[in-house]
Amino acid sequence: MKSVFKIIIPIILIFILVCSSGVFYLSRGLNEGSKVKINGIRILDLNDGIYSGKYNAGRWSNQLSVTVKDHKITEIKIIDDVTFVKNGVSDELFSKVIKAQNTKVDVISQATVTSKAYLKSIENALNN
């Protein structure tokens, strides 16, 4: 019986350690990410071209390219995506930005930090 406990106890401890590390990794940065300020852009000041922007924040780091033609955002492409991609978030958000011609748009529900990370990359591309 003692030999069973010698095997089971370390396995349980390793399992708890792995699970708690995973929770820490997944939640680290959520609070700061939800507070990221989106300032907007001045599209009329931009020349035609493809602009590249990135945002670095752990698992929400990403890099995008933004195409501007005739002072309008015409396309947004992902060059390097966030670590955990949620289907449809980028498409819906990029459609909002293109329609509004600004980054001052509502974020996608249940993807606030990811939305703000993408919006910040767009701002960084067009404001630098």
C-alpha atoms as a PDB file:
ATOM      1  CA  MET A   1       0.000   0.000   0.000  1.00  0.00           C
ATOM      2  CA  LYS A   2       2.828   2.421   0.827  1.00  0.00           C
ATOM      3  CA  SER A   3       4.366   1.878  -2.612  1.00  0.00           C
ATOM      4  CA  VAL A   4       1.083   2.882  -4.274  1.00  0.00           C
ATOM      5  CA  PHE A   5       1.068   6.151  -2.333  1.00  0.00           C
ATOM      6  CA  LYS A   6       4.706   6.761  -3.295  1.00  0.00           C
ATOM      7  CA  ILE A   7       3.606   6.653  -6.925  1.00  0.00           C
ATOM      8  CA  ILE A   8       0.214   8.386  -6.701  1.00  0.00           C
ATOM      9  CA  ILE A   9       1.217  11.353  -4.507  1.00  0.00           C
ATOM     10  CA  PRO A  10       3.975  12.621  -6.877  1.00  0.00           C
ATOM     11  CA  ILE A  11       1.643  12.192  -9.875  1.00  0.00           C
ATOM     12  CA  ILE A  12      -1.082  14.210  -8.158  1.00  0.00           C
ATOM     13  CA  LEU A  13       1.404  16.930  -7.197  1.00  0.00           C
ATOM     14  CA  ILE A  14       2.741  17.147 -10.755  1.00  0.00           C
ATOM     15  CA  PHE A  15      -0.813  17.337 -12.103  1.00  0.00           C
ATOM     16  CA  ILE A  16      -1.676  20.183  -9.711  1.00  0.00           C
ATOM     17  CA  LEU A  17       1.510  22.034 -10.632  1.00  0.00           C
ATOM     18  CA  VAL A  18       0.863  21.699 -14.369  1.00  0.00           C
ATOM     19  CA  CYS A  19      -2.774  22.825 -14.024  1.00  0.00           C
ATOM     20  CA  SER A  20      -1.934  25.832 -11.858  1.00  0.00           C
ATOM     21  CA  SER A  21       0.864  26.858 -14.248  1.00  0.00           C
ATOM     22  CA  GLY A  22      -1.569  26.658 -17.164  1.00  0.00           C
ATOM     23  CA  VAL A  23      -4.144  28.818 -15.391  1.00  0.00           C
ATOM     24  CA  PHE A  24      -1.447  31.355 -14.528  1.00  0.00           C
ATOM     25  CA  TYR A  25      -0.237  31.492 -18.150  1.00  0.00           C
ATOM     26  CA  LEU A  26      -3.745  31.852 -19.581  1.00  0.00           C
ATOM     27  CA  SER A  27      -4.817  34.586 -17.175  1.00  0.00           C
ATOM     28  CA  ARG A  28      -1.570  36.562 -16.946  1.00  0.00           C
ATOM     29  CA  GLY A  29      -2.032  39.910 -18.629  1.00  0.00           C
ATOM     30  CA  LEU A  30      -5.837  39.831 -18.847  1.00  0.00           C
ATOM     31  CA  ASN A  31      -6.299  42.785 -16.502  1.00  0.00           C
ATOM     32  CA  GLU A  32      -3.673  44.947 -18.216  1.00  0.00           C
ATOM     33  CA  GLY A  33      -4.899  43.945 -21.671  1.00  0.00           C
ATOM     34  CA  SER A  34      -8.470  44.913 -20.924  1.00  0.00           C
ATOM     35  CA  LYS A  35      -7.257  48.398 -19.919  1.00  0.00           C
ATOM     36  CA  VAL A  36      -5.326  49.101 -23.147  1.00  0.00           C
ATOM     37  CA  LYS A  37      -6.415  52.507 -24.449  1.00  0.00           C
ATOM     38  CA  ILE A  38      -7.393  52.711 -28.103  1.00  0.00           C
ATOM     39  CA  ASN A  39      -6.705  56.249 -29.330  1.00  0.00           C
ATOM     40  CA  GLY A  40      -7.975  56.159 -32.902  1.00  0.00           C
ATOM     41  CA  ILE A  41      -6.282  57.140 -36.139  1.00  0.00           C
ATOM     42  CA  ARG A  42      -6.230  60.028 -38.604  1.00  0.00           C
ATOM     43  CA  ILE A  43      -6.695  58.277 -41.923  1.00  0.00           C
ATOM     44  CA  LEU A  44      -6.739  61.515 -43.951  1.00  0.00           C
ATOM     45  CA  ASP A  45      -3.073  62.115 -43.079  1.00  0.00           C
ATOM     46  CA  LEU A  46      -1.960  58.838 -44.678  1.00  0.00           C
ATOM     47  CA  ASN A  47      -0.594  58.177 -48.128  1.00  0.00           C
ATOM     48  CA  ASP A  48      -1.473  55.096 -50.138  1.00  0.00           C
ATOM     49  CA  GLY A  49       0.535  52.056 -49.127  1.00  0.00           C
ATOM     50  CA  ILE A  50       0.821  49.010 -46.960  1.00  0.00           C
ATOM     51  CA  TYR A  51       1.620  49.770 -43.344  1.00  0.00           C
ATOM     52  CA  SER A  52       2.901  47.225 -40.841  1.00  0.00           C
ATOM     53  CA  GLY A  53       2.234  47.404 -37.133  1.00  0.00           C
ATOM     54  CA  LYS A  54       2.712  45.177 -34.134  1.00  0.00           C
ATOM     55  CA  TYR A  55       1.656  44.940 -30.541  1.00  0.00           C
ATOM     56  CA  ASN A  56       3.753  43.050 -27.992  1.00  0.00           C
ATOM     57  CA  ALA A  57       1.952  41.712 -24.933  1.00  0.00           C
ATOM     58  CA  GLY A  58       2.693  38.073 -24.215  1.00  0.00           C
ATOM     59  CA  ARG A  59       0.173  35.722 -25.781  1.00  0.00           C
ATOM     60  CA  TRP A  60      -1.663  38.682 -27.359  1.00  0.00           C
ATOM     61  CA  SER A  61       1.359  39.802 -29.375  1.00  0.00           C
ATOM     62  CA  ASN A  62       0.542  40.114 -33.043  1.00  0.00           C
ATOM     63  CA  GLN A  63       1.614  41.812 -36.259  1.00  0.00           C
ATOM     64  CA  LEU A  64      -0.693  43.104 -38.980  1.00  0.00           C
ATOM     65  CA  SER A  65      -0.449  44.805 -42.346  1.00  0.00           C
ATOM     66  CA  VAL A  66      -2.931  47.543 -43.189  1.00  0.00           C
ATOM     67  CA  THR A  67      -3.532  48.616 -46.785  1.00  0.00           C
ATOM     68  CA  VAL A  68      -4.528  52.243 -47.377  1.00  0.00           C
ATOM     69  CA  LYS A  69      -5.802  53.474 -50.741  1.00  0.00           C
ATOM     70  CA  ASP A  70      -7.315  56.915 -51.423  1.00  0.00           C
ATOM     71  CA  HIS A  71      -7.195  57.727 -47.691  1.00  0.00           C
ATOM     72  CA  LYS A  72      -9.216  54.636 -46.820  1.00  0.00           C
ATOM     73  CA  ILE A  73      -8.342  51.392 -45.091  1.00  0.00           C
ATOM     74  CA  THR A  74      -9.087  48.756 -47.703  1.00  0.00           C
ATOM     75  CA  GLU A  75      -7.575  45.615 -46.186  1.00  0.00           C
ATOM     76  CA  ILE A  76      -6.124  44.302 -42.935  1.00  0.00           C
ATOM     77  CA  LYS A  77      -4.072  41.104 -42.928  1.00  0.00           C
ATOM     78  CA  ILE A  78      -2.567  39.128 -40.101  1.00  0.00           C
ATOM     79  CA  ILE A  79       1.172  38.566 -40.446  1.00  0.00           C
ATOM     80  CA  ASP A  80       1.763  37.014 -37.019  1.00  0.00           C
ATOM     81  CA  ASP A  81      -1.339  36.094 -35.007  1.00  0.00           C
ATOM     82  CA  VAL A  82      -2.041  35.960 -31.274  1.00  0.00           C
ATOM     83  CA  THR A  83      -1.205  32.685 -29.516  1.00  0.00           C
ATOM     84  CA  PHE A  84      -4.781  31.443 -29.048  1.00  0.00           C
ATOM     85  CA  VAL A  85      -6.892  32.324 -32.080  1.00  0.00           C
ATOM     86  CA  LYS A  86     -10.667  32.441 -31.678  1.00  0.00           C
ATOM     87  CA  ASN A  87     -12.434  31.850 -34.995  1.00  0.00           C
ATOM     88  CA  GLY A  88     -14.137  34.873 -36.497  1.00  0.00           C
ATOM     89  CA  VAL A  89     -12.807  37.500 -34.094  1.00  0.00           C
ATOM     90  CA  SER A  90     -10.300  39.065 -36.475  1.00  0.00           C
ATOM     91  CA  ASP A  91     -12.677  39.002 -39.470  1.00  0.00           C
ATOM     92  CA  GLU A  92     -15.500  40.658 -37.528  1.00  0.00           C
ATOM     93  CA  LEU A  93     -13.210  43.236 -35.929  1.00  0.00           C
ATOM     94  CA  PHE A  94     -11.404  44.104 -39.172  1.00  0.00           C
ATOM     95  CA  SER A  95     -14.771  44.559 -40.919  1.00  0.00           C
ATOM     96  CA  LYS A  96     -15.783  47.038 -38.208  1.00  0.00           C
ATOM     97  CA  VAL A  97     -12.520  48.974 -38.602  1.00  0.00           C
ATOM     98  CA  ILE A  98     -12.838  49.111 -42.393  1.00  0.00           C
ATOM     99  CA  LYS A  99     -16.470  50.244 -42.153  1.00  0.00           C
ATOM    100  CA  ALA A 100     -15.691  52.908 -39.513  1.00  0.00           C
ATOM    101  CA  GLN A 101     -12.305  53.817 -41.032  1.00  0.00           C
ATOM    102  CA  ASN A 102     -11.042  54.040 -37.478  1.00  0.00           C
ATOM    103  CA  THR A 103      -9.922  51.886 -34.566  1.00  0.00           C
ATOM    104  CA  LYS A 104     -12.521  53.461 -32.285  1.00  0.00           C
ATOM    105  CA  VAL A 105     -14.949  50.550 -32.668  1.00  0.00           C
ATOM    106  CA  ASP A 106     -16.651  48.197 -30.223  1.00  0.00           C
ATOM    107  CA  VAL A 107     -14.558  45.181 -29.312  1.00  0.00           C
ATOM    108  CA  ILE A 108     -15.785  41.659 -29.999  1.00  0.00           C
ATOM    109  CA  SER A 109     -17.744  40.184 -27.098  1.00  0.00           C
ATOM    110  CA  GLN A 110     -15.752  37.615 -25.084  1.00  0.00           C
ATOM    111  CA  ALA A 111     -12.586  38.607 -26.950  1.00  0.00           C
ATOM    112  CA  THR A 112     -11.898  42.018 -25.421  1.00  0.00           C
ATOM    113  CA  VAL A 113      -8.151  41.660 -24.909  1.00  0.00           C
ATOM    114  CA  THR A 114      -7.615  40.012 -28.302  1.00  0.00           C
ATOM    115  CA  SER A 115      -9.672  42.759 -29.974  1.00  0.00           C
ATOM    116  CA  LYS A 116      -7.675  45.489 -28.254  1.00  0.00           C
ATOM    117  CA  ALA A 117      -4.416  43.781 -29.231  1.00  0.00           C
ATOM    118  CA  TYR A 118      -5.444  43.790 -32.910  1.00  0.00           C
ATOM    119  CA  LEU A 119      -6.678  47.391 -32.686  1.00  0.00           C
ATOM    120  CA  LYS A 120      -3.412  48.498 -31.103  1.00  0.00           C
ATOM    121  CA  SER A 121      -1.449  46.862 -33.949  1.00  0.00           C
ATOM    122  CA  ILE A 122      -3.580  48.745 -36.472  1.00  0.00           C
ATOM    123  CA  GLU A 123      -3.003  52.018 -34.595  1.00  0.00           C
ATOM    124  CA  ASN A 124       0.718  51.325 -34.373  1.00  0.00           C
ATOM    125  CA  ALA A 125       0.846  50.690 -38.119  1.00  0.00           C
ATOM    126  CA  LEU A 126      -1.005  53.847 -39.087  1.00  0.00           C
ATOM    127  CA  ASN A 127       0.202  56.257 -36.412  1.00  0.00           C
ATOM    128  CA  ASN A 128       3.938  55.611 -36.804  1.00  0.00           C
END
